[in-house]
Amino acid sequence: MRSAKETENFPYRLNTVCYFEVDKNGNVSQVYHKNKSDKKRVFEAYQRAMNKSTTLYAVWPGNWSSDLFIIDDLDAFAKAFNFI
C-alpha cells in the first residue's frame, strides 16, 4: 500500500480512481465521486475519516497494474473536492 501524501500530485478527482472506506469493524463501502450528485457522499466519507471512524483508501489504476493508496492527506482530499 502506498501513501497518497507521499505521491506528488495524487489525482484525487480522476474518474478512474476508485475510493472506498473501511470502518473499525472491517466493513467496506465504495465512495462514489464521479457525478455532482455524489458530492454529499464524498463529503460524508471525508467527515467519517476526519472523525477517525473510517479510513479512506483509493485504487489508482495504471496501464499494467493498479496501486492501492491510503488517503492520508485529508486536507488535500478536501481541497480537491472543494470542501475547504
PDB file of N, CA and C in Angstrom:
ATOM      1  N   MET A   1       0.860  -1.170   0.000  1.00  0.00           N
ATOM      2  CA  MET A   1       0.000   0.000   0.000  1.00  0.00           C
ATOM      3  C   MET A   1       0.904   1.229   0.000  1.00  0.00           C
ATOM      4  N   ARG A   2       0.462   2.230  -0.746  1.00  0.00           N
ATOM      5  CA  ARG A   2       1.222   3.469  -0.867  1.00  0.00           C
ATOM      6  C   ARG A   2       0.490   4.609  -0.168  1.00  0.00           C
ATOM      7  N   SER A   3       1.215   5.665   0.058  1.00  0.00           N
ATOM      8  CA  SER A   3       0.687   6.851   0.719  1.00  0.00           C
ATOM      9  C   SER A   3       0.321   7.906  -0.325  1.00  0.00           C
ATOM     10  N   ALA A   4      -0.915   8.391  -0.271  1.00  0.00           N
ATOM     11  CA  ALA A   4      -1.309   9.482  -1.168  1.00  0.00           C
ATOM     12  C   ALA A   4      -0.517  10.742  -0.841  1.00  0.00           C
ATOM     13  N   LYS A   5      -0.221  10.929   0.430  1.00  0.00           N
ATOM     14  CA  LYS A   5       0.528  12.113   0.873  1.00  0.00           C
ATOM     15  C   LYS A   5       1.921  12.148   0.254  1.00  0.00           C
ATOM     16  N   GLU A   6       2.531  10.984   0.124  1.00  0.00           N
ATOM     17  CA  GLU A   6       3.887  10.907  -0.399  1.00  0.00           C
ATOM     18  C   GLU A   6       3.933  10.875  -1.924  1.00  0.00           C
ATOM     19  N   THR A   7       2.777  10.828  -2.548  1.00  0.00           N
ATOM     20  CA  THR A   7       2.708  10.829  -4.004  1.00  0.00           C
ATOM     21  C   THR A   7       2.556  12.257  -4.480  1.00  0.00           C
ATOM     22  N   GLU A   8       3.446  12.674  -5.340  1.00  0.00           N
ATOM     23  CA  GLU A   8       3.374  14.032  -5.860  1.00  0.00           C
ATOM     24  C   GLU A   8       2.140  14.156  -6.754  1.00  0.00           C
ATOM     25  N   ASN A   9       1.250  15.082  -6.401  1.00  0.00           N
ATOM     26  CA  ASN A   9       0.052  15.368  -7.193  1.00  0.00           C
ATOM     27  C   ASN A   9      -0.876  14.161  -7.355  1.00  0.00           C
ATOM     28  N   PHE A  10      -1.276  13.565  -6.255  1.00  0.00           N
ATOM     29  CA  PHE A  10      -2.225  12.459  -6.343  1.00  0.00           C
ATOM     30  C   PHE A  10      -3.488  12.944  -7.062  1.00  0.00           C
ATOM     31  N   PRO A  11      -4.011  12.179  -8.013  1.00  0.00           N
ATOM     32  CA  PRO A  11      -5.149  12.633  -8.831  1.00  0.00           C
ATOM     33  C   PRO A  11      -6.497  12.381  -8.152  1.00  0.00           C
ATOM     34  N   TYR A  12      -6.769  13.114  -7.102  1.00  0.00           N
ATOM     35  CA  TYR A  12      -7.967  12.883  -6.303  1.00  0.00           C
ATOM     36  C   TYR A  12      -9.250  12.890  -7.138  1.00  0.00           C
ATOM     37  N   ARG A  13      -9.337  13.733  -8.159  1.00  0.00           N
ATOM     38  CA  ARG A  13     -10.568  13.883  -8.928  1.00  0.00           C
ATOM     39  C   ARG A  13     -10.613  13.038 -10.202  1.00  0.00           C
ATOM     40  N   LEU A  14      -9.602  12.264 -10.463  1.00  0.00           N
ATOM     41  CA  LEU A  14      -9.562  11.445 -11.667  1.00  0.00           C
ATOM     42  C   LEU A  14     -10.694  10.421 -11.641  1.00  0.00           C
ATOM     43  N   ASN A  15     -11.451  10.336 -12.719  1.00  0.00           N
ATOM     44  CA  ASN A  15     -12.621   9.452 -12.762  1.00  0.00           C
ATOM     45  C   ASN A  15     -12.290   7.971 -12.623  1.00  0.00           C
ATOM     46  N   THR A  16     -11.089   7.584 -12.969  1.00  0.00           N
ATOM     47  CA  THR A  16     -10.741   6.165 -12.878  1.00  0.00           C
ATOM     48  C   THR A  16     -10.261   5.747 -11.487  1.00  0.00           C
ATOM     49  N   VAL A  17     -10.044   6.715 -10.602  1.00  0.00           N
ATOM     50  CA  VAL A  17      -9.676   6.387  -9.217  1.00  0.00           C
ATOM     51  C   VAL A  17     -10.919   5.888  -8.495  1.00  0.00           C
ATOM     52  N   CYS A  18     -10.778   4.781  -7.807  1.00  0.00           N
ATOM     53  CA  CYS A  18     -11.887   4.184  -7.060  1.00  0.00           C
ATOM     54  C   CYS A  18     -11.621   4.352  -5.560  1.00  0.00           C
ATOM     55  N   TYR A  19     -12.530   5.034  -4.881  1.00  0.00           N
ATOM     56  CA  TYR A  19     -12.406   5.251  -3.434  1.00  0.00           C
ATOM     57  C   TYR A  19     -13.270   4.261  -2.674  1.00  0.00           C
ATOM     58  N   PHE A  20     -12.771   3.872  -1.528  1.00  0.00           N
ATOM     59  CA  PHE A  20     -13.584   3.085  -0.603  1.00  0.00           C
ATOM     60  C   PHE A  20     -13.139   3.403   0.806  1.00  0.00           C
ATOM     61  N   GLU A  21     -14.020   3.110   1.736  1.00  0.00           N
ATOM     62  CA  GLU A  21     -13.706   3.345   3.147  1.00  0.00           C
ATOM     63  C   GLU A  21     -13.903   2.056   3.919  1.00  0.00           C
ATOM     64  N   VAL A  22     -13.121   1.926   4.975  1.00  0.00           N
ATOM     65  CA  VAL A  22     -13.188   0.755   5.843  1.00  0.00           C
ATOM     66  C   VAL A  22     -13.423   1.254   7.258  1.00  0.00           C
ATOM     67  N   ASP A  23     -14.465   0.705   7.911  1.00  0.00           N
ATOM     68  CA  ASP A  23     -14.743   1.131   9.284  1.00  0.00           C
ATOM     69  C   ASP A  23     -13.993   0.261  10.282  1.00  0.00           C
ATOM     70  N   LYS A  24     -14.159   0.558  11.543  1.00  0.00           N
ATOM     71  CA  LYS A  24     -13.423  -0.131  12.610  1.00  0.00           C
ATOM     72  C   LYS A  24     -13.735  -1.623  12.681  1.00  0.00           C
ATOM     73  N   ASN A  25     -14.907  -2.031  12.155  1.00  0.00           N
ATOM     74  CA  ASN A  25     -15.295  -3.441  12.161  1.00  0.00           C
ATOM     75  C   ASN A  25     -14.874  -4.167  10.895  1.00  0.00           C
ATOM     76  N   GLY A  26     -14.203  -3.459   9.980  1.00  0.00           N
ATOM     77  CA  GLY A  26     -13.754  -4.075   8.749  1.00  0.00           C
ATOM     78  C   GLY A  26     -14.769  -4.020   7.620  1.00  0.00           C
ATOM     79  N   ASN A  27     -15.888  -3.323   7.842  1.00  0.00           N
ATOM     80  CA  ASN A  27     -16.886  -3.180   6.781  1.00  0.00           C
ATOM     81  C   ASN A  27     -16.356  -2.228   5.722  1.00  0.00           C
ATOM     82  N   VAL A  28     -16.547  -2.611   4.472  1.00  0.00           N
ATOM     83  CA  VAL A  28     -16.023  -1.851   3.334  1.00  0.00           C
ATOM     84  C   VAL A  28     -17.189  -1.298   2.523  1.00  0.00           C
ATOM     85  N   SER A  29     -17.073  -0.044   2.116  1.00  0.00           N
ATOM     86  CA  SER A  29     -18.081   0.536   1.234  1.00  0.00           C
ATOM     87  C   SER A  29     -17.397   1.460   0.234  1.00  0.00           C
ATOM     88  N   GLN A  30     -17.914   1.448  -0.977  1.00  0.00           N
ATOM     89  CA  GLN A  30     -17.361   2.284  -2.033  1.00  0.00           C
ATOM     90  C   GLN A  30     -17.852   3.706  -1.874  1.00  0.00           C
ATOM     91  N   VAL A  31     -16.997   4.655  -2.216  1.00  0.00           N
ATOM     92  CA  VAL A  31     -17.340   6.072  -2.159  1.00  0.00           C
ATOM     93  C   VAL A  31     -17.358   6.579  -3.605  1.00  0.00           C
ATOM     94  N   TYR A  32     -18.544   6.763  -4.123  1.00  0.00           N
ATOM     95  CA  TYR A  32     -18.691   7.235  -5.500  1.00  0.00           C
ATOM     96  C   TYR A  32     -18.388   8.727  -5.563  1.00  0.00           C
ATOM     97  N   HIS A  33     -17.694   9.147  -6.616  1.00  0.00           N
ATOM     98  CA  HIS A  33     -17.293  10.553  -6.701  1.00  0.00           C
ATOM     99  C   HIS A  33     -17.366  11.109  -8.120  1.00  0.00           C
ATOM    100  N   LYS A  34     -17.943  10.404  -9.031  1.00  0.00           N
ATOM    101  CA  LYS A  34     -17.867  10.800 -10.441  1.00  0.00           C
ATOM    102  C   LYS A  34     -18.908  11.822 -10.868  1.00  0.00           C
ATOM    103  N   ASN A  35     -20.013  11.908 -10.154  1.00  0.00           N
ATOM    104  CA  ASN A  35     -21.080  12.830 -10.524  1.00  0.00           C
ATOM    105  C   ASN A  35     -21.255  13.906  -9.464  1.00  0.00           C
ATOM    106  N   LYS A  36     -21.837  15.019  -9.859  1.00  0.00           N
ATOM    107  CA  LYS A  36     -22.111  16.083  -8.888  1.00  0.00           C
ATOM    108  C   LYS A  36     -23.040  15.594  -7.784  1.00  0.00           C
ATOM    109  N   SER A  37     -23.919  14.656  -8.111  1.00  0.00           N
ATOM    110  CA  SER A  37     -24.847  14.133  -7.102  1.00  0.00           C
ATOM    111  C   SER A  37     -24.123  13.308  -6.038  1.00  0.00           C
ATOM    112  N   ASP A  38     -22.876  12.914  -6.302  1.00  0.00           N
ATOM    113  CA  ASP A  38     -22.098  12.125  -5.337  1.00  0.00           C
ATOM    114  C   ASP A  38     -21.383  12.999  -4.307  1.00  0.00           C
ATOM    115  N   LYS A  39     -21.413  14.316  -4.481  1.00  0.00           N
ATOM    116  CA  LYS A  39     -20.635  15.211  -3.620  1.00  0.00           C
ATOM    117  C   LYS A  39     -20.992  15.046  -2.142  1.00  0.00           C
ATOM    118  N   LYS A  40     -22.270  14.859  -1.840  1.00  0.00           N
ATOM    119  CA  LYS A  40     -22.683  14.688  -0.447  1.00  0.00           C
ATOM    120  C   LYS A  40     -22.075  13.409   0.139  1.00  0.00           C
ATOM    121  N   ARG A  41     -22.072  12.338  -0.647  1.00  0.00           N
ATOM    122  CA  ARG A  41     -21.493  11.070  -0.168  1.00  0.00           C
ATOM    123  C   ARG A  41     -19.996  11.200   0.069  1.00  0.00           C
ATOM    124  N   VAL A  42     -19.327  11.919  -0.820  1.00  0.00           N
ATOM    125  CA  VAL A  42     -17.888  12.125  -0.661  1.00  0.00           C
ATOM    126  C   VAL A  42     -17.622  12.943   0.602  1.00  0.00           C
ATOM    127  N   PHE A  43     -18.411  13.982   0.809  1.00  0.00           N
ATOM    128  CA  PHE A  43     -18.238  14.818   1.995  1.00  0.00           C
ATOM    129  C   PHE A  43     -18.492  14.013   3.273  1.00  0.00           C
ATOM    130  N   GLU A  44     -19.518  13.182   3.280  1.00  0.00           N
ATOM    131  CA  GLU A  44     -19.802  12.354   4.456  1.00  0.00           C
ATOM    132  C   GLU A  44     -18.660  11.376   4.723  1.00  0.00           C
ATOM    133  N   ALA A  45     -18.096  10.789   3.676  1.00  0.00           N
ATOM    134  CA  ALA A  45     -16.952   9.888   3.843  1.00  0.00           C
ATOM    135  C   ALA A  45     -15.753  10.652   4.396  1.00  0.00           C
ATOM    136  N   TYR A  46     -15.544  11.857   3.898  1.00  0.00           N
ATOM    137  CA  TYR A  46     -14.467  12.718   4.394  1.00  0.00           C
ATOM    138  C   TYR A  46     -14.654  13.005   5.886  1.00  0.00           C
ATOM    139  N   GLN A  47     -15.877  13.333   6.293  1.00  0.00           N
ATOM    140  CA  GLN A  47     -16.148  13.613   7.705  1.00  0.00           C
ATOM    141  C   GLN A  47     -15.883  12.392   8.574  1.00  0.00           C
ATOM    142  N   ARG A  48     -16.303  11.219   8.114  1.00  0.00           N
ATOM    143  CA  ARG A  48     -16.042   9.992   8.886  1.00  0.00           C
ATOM    144  C   ARG A  48     -14.539   9.740   9.010  1.00  0.00           C
ATOM    145  N   ALA A  49     -13.803   9.988   7.944  1.00  0.00           N
ATOM    146  CA  ALA A  49     -12.346   9.807   8.003  1.00  0.00           C
ATOM    147  C   ALA A  49     -11.718  10.822   8.957  1.00  0.00           C
ATOM    148  N   MET A  50     -12.205  12.062   8.929  1.00  0.00           N
ATOM    149  CA  MET A  50     -11.694  13.080   9.853  1.00  0.00           C
ATOM    150  C   MET A  50     -11.990  12.705  11.304  1.00  0.00           C
ATOM    151  N   ASN A  51     -13.147  12.087  11.536  1.00  0.00           N
ATOM    152  CA  ASN A  51     -13.529  11.656  12.886  1.00  0.00           C
ATOM    153  C   ASN A  51     -12.878  10.336  13.289  1.00  0.00           C
ATOM    154  N   LYS A  52     -12.118   9.764  12.352  1.00  0.00           N
ATOM    155  CA  LYS A  52     -11.404   8.506  12.573  1.00  0.00           C
ATOM    156  C   LYS A  52     -12.328   7.316  12.805  1.00  0.00           C
ATOM    157  N   SER A  53     -13.566   7.408  12.316  1.00  0.00           N
ATOM    158  CA  SER A  53     -14.451   6.245  12.395  1.00  0.00           C
ATOM    159  C   SER A  53     -14.283   5.339  11.181  1.00  0.00           C
ATOM    160  N   THR A  54     -13.689   5.887  10.110  1.00  0.00           N
ATOM    161  CA  THR A  54     -13.330   5.077   8.948  1.00  0.00           C
ATOM    162  C   THR A  54     -11.970   5.529   8.434  1.00  0.00           C
ATOM    163  N   THR A  55     -11.423   4.722   7.542  1.00  0.00           N
ATOM    164  CA  THR A  55     -10.190   5.075   6.838  1.00  0.00           C
ATOM    165  C   THR A  55     -10.498   5.063   5.354  1.00  0.00           C
ATOM    166  N   LEU A  56     -10.045   6.092   4.652  1.00  0.00           N
ATOM    167  CA  LEU A  56     -10.260   6.176   3.209  1.00  0.00           C
ATOM    168  C   LEU A  56      -9.078   5.573   2.463  1.00  0.00           C
ATOM    169  N   TYR A  57      -9.417   4.843   1.408  1.00  0.00           N
ATOM    170  CA  TYR A  57      -8.425   4.254   0.515  1.00  0.00           C
ATOM    171  C   TYR A  57      -8.817   4.571  -0.917  1.00  0.00           C
ATOM    172  N   ALA A  58      -7.855   4.434  -1.808  1.00  0.00           N
ATOM    173  CA  ALA A  58      -8.123   4.628  -3.231  1.00  0.00           C
ATOM    174  C   ALA A  58      -7.306   3.633  -4.032  1.00  0.00           C
ATOM    175  N   VAL A  59      -7.891   3.196  -5.121  1.00  0.00           N
ATOM    176  CA  VAL A  59      -7.162   2.389  -6.091  1.00  0.00           C
ATOM    177  C   VAL A  59      -6.985   3.262  -7.326  1.00  0.00           C
ATOM    178  N   TRP A  60      -5.741   3.426  -7.711  1.00  0.00           N
ATOM    179  CA  TRP A  60      -5.395   4.233  -8.880  1.00  0.00           C
ATOM    180  C   TRP A  60      -4.920   3.268  -9.957  1.00  0.00           C
ATOM    181  N   PRO A  61      -5.755   3.027 -10.952  1.00  0.00           N
ATOM    182  CA  PRO A  61      -5.379   2.063 -11.988  1.00  0.00           C
ATOM    183  C   PRO A  61      -4.351   2.632 -12.957  1.00  0.00           C
ATOM    184  N   GLY A  62      -3.423   1.799 -13.331  1.00  0.00           N
ATOM    185  CA  GLY A  62      -2.421   2.163 -14.323  1.00  0.00           C
ATOM    186  C   GLY A  62      -2.583   1.307 -15.568  1.00  0.00           C
ATOM    187  N   ASN A  63      -1.634   1.397 -16.464  1.00  0.00           N
ATOM    188  CA  ASN A  63      -1.701   0.615 -17.701  1.00  0.00           C
ATOM    189  C   ASN A  63      -1.518  -0.874 -17.452  1.00  0.00           C
ATOM    190  N   TRP A  64      -0.652  -1.222 -16.518  1.00  0.00           N
ATOM    191  CA  TRP A  64      -0.311  -2.623 -16.309  1.00  0.00           C
ATOM    192  C   TRP A  64      -0.672  -3.143 -14.933  1.00  0.00           C
ATOM    193  N   SER A  65      -0.920  -2.242 -14.005  1.00  0.00           N
ATOM    194  CA  SER A  65      -1.308  -2.662 -12.654  1.00  0.00           C
ATOM    195  C   SER A  65      -2.063  -1.524 -11.988  1.00  0.00           C
ATOM    196  N   SER A  66      -2.679  -1.846 -10.883  1.00  0.00           N
ATOM    197  CA  SER A  66      -3.390  -0.845 -10.090  1.00  0.00           C
ATOM    198  C   SER A  66      -2.739  -0.764  -8.721  1.00  0.00           C
ATOM    199  N   ASP A  67      -2.610   0.446  -8.209  1.00  0.00           N
ATOM    200  CA  ASP A  67      -1.971   0.641  -6.912  1.00  0.00           C
ATOM    201  C   ASP A  67      -3.006   1.048  -5.871  1.00  0.00           C
ATOM    202  N   LEU A  68      -2.827   0.532  -4.665  1.00  0.00           N
ATOM    203  CA  LEU A  68      -3.679   0.860  -3.532  1.00  0.00           C
ATOM    204  C   LEU A  68      -3.005   1.960  -2.724  1.00  0.00           C
ATOM    205  N   PHE A  69      -3.787   2.989  -2.394  1.00  0.00           N
ATOM    206  CA  PHE A  69      -3.283   4.119  -1.618  1.00  0.00           C
ATOM    207  C   PHE A  69      -4.156   4.336  -0.392  1.00  0.00           C
ATOM    208  N   ILE A  70      -3.519   4.687   0.704  1.00  0.00           N
ATOM    209  CA  ILE A  70      -4.264   5.191   1.843  1.00  0.00           C
ATOM    210  C   ILE A  70      -4.364   6.702   1.647  1.00  0.00           C
ATOM    211  N   ILE A  71      -5.545   7.238   1.866  1.00  0.00           N
ATOM    212  CA  ILE A  71      -5.736   8.684   1.749  1.00  0.00           C
ATOM    213  C   ILE A  71      -5.369   9.278   3.103  1.00  0.00           C
ATOM    214  N   ASP A  72      -4.092   9.603   3.219  1.00  0.00           N
ATOM    215  CA  ASP A  72      -3.536  10.074   4.489  1.00  0.00           C
ATOM    216  C   ASP A  72      -3.272  11.576   4.501  1.00  0.00           C
ATOM    217  N   ASP A  73      -3.737  12.268   3.484  1.00  0.00           N
ATOM    218  CA  ASP A  73      -3.692  13.727   3.470  1.00  0.00           C
ATOM    219  C   ASP A  73      -5.121  14.218   3.243  1.00  0.00           C
ATOM    220  N   LEU A  74      -5.893  14.234   4.312  1.00  0.00           N
ATOM    221  CA  LEU A  74      -7.307  14.589   4.196  1.00  0.00           C
ATOM    222  C   LEU A  74      -7.507  16.044   3.824  1.00  0.00           C
ATOM    223  N   ASP A  75      -6.546  16.903   4.143  1.00  0.00           N
ATOM    224  CA  ASP A  75      -6.646  18.299   3.703  1.00  0.00           C
ATOM    225  C   ASP A  75      -6.566  18.402   2.183  1.00  0.00           C
ATOM    226  N   ALA A  76      -5.639  17.678   1.580  1.00  0.00           N
ATOM    227  CA  ALA A  76      -5.517  17.688   0.119  1.00  0.00           C
ATOM    228  C   ALA A  76      -6.756  17.074  -0.529  1.00  0.00           C
ATOM    229  N   PHE A  77      -7.279  16.024   0.081  1.00  0.00           N
ATOM    230  CA  PHE A  77      -8.509  15.406  -0.410  1.00  0.00           C
ATOM    231  C   PHE A  77      -9.653  16.420  -0.376  1.00  0.00           C
ATOM    232  N   ALA A  78      -9.790  17.119   0.747  1.00  0.00           N
ATOM    233  CA  ALA A  78     -10.866  18.100   0.911  1.00  0.00           C
ATOM    234  C   ALA A  78     -10.712  19.265  -0.072  1.00  0.00           C
ATOM    235  N   LYS A  79      -9.485  19.711  -0.281  1.00  0.00           N
ATOM    236  CA  LYS A  79      -9.252  20.793  -1.234  1.00  0.00           C
ATOM    237  C   LYS A  79      -9.601  20.357  -2.653  1.00  0.00           C
ATOM    238  N   ALA A  80      -9.252  19.133  -3.005  1.00  0.00           N
ATOM    239  CA  ALA A  80      -9.544  18.633  -4.349  1.00  0.00           C
ATOM    240  C   ALA A  80     -11.048  18.601  -4.629  1.00  0.00           C
ATOM    241  N   PHE A  81     -11.830  18.320  -3.584  1.00  0.00           N
ATOM    242  CA  PHE A  81     -13.277  18.246  -3.742  1.00  0.00           C
ATOM    243  C   PHE A  81     -13.978  19.533  -3.292  1.00  0.00           C
ATOM    244  N   ASN A  82     -13.183  20.581  -3.073  1.00  0.00           N
ATOM    245  CA  ASN A  82     -13.691  21.905  -2.711  1.00  0.00           C
ATOM    246  C   ASN A  82     -14.496  21.915  -1.404  1.00  0.00           C
ATOM    247  N   PHE A  83     -14.042  21.148  -0.422  1.00  0.00           N
ATOM    248  CA  PHE A  83     -14.679  21.171   0.894  1.00  0.00           C
ATOM    249  C   PHE A  83     -14.066  22.237   1.780  1.00  0.00           C
ATOM    250  N   ILE A  84     -12.809  22.573   1.525  1.00  0.00           N
ATOM    251  CA  ILE A  84     -12.132  23.635   2.277  1.00  0.00           C
ATOM    252  C   ILE A  84     -11.433  24.560   1.319  1.00  0.00           C
TER     253      ILE A  84
END
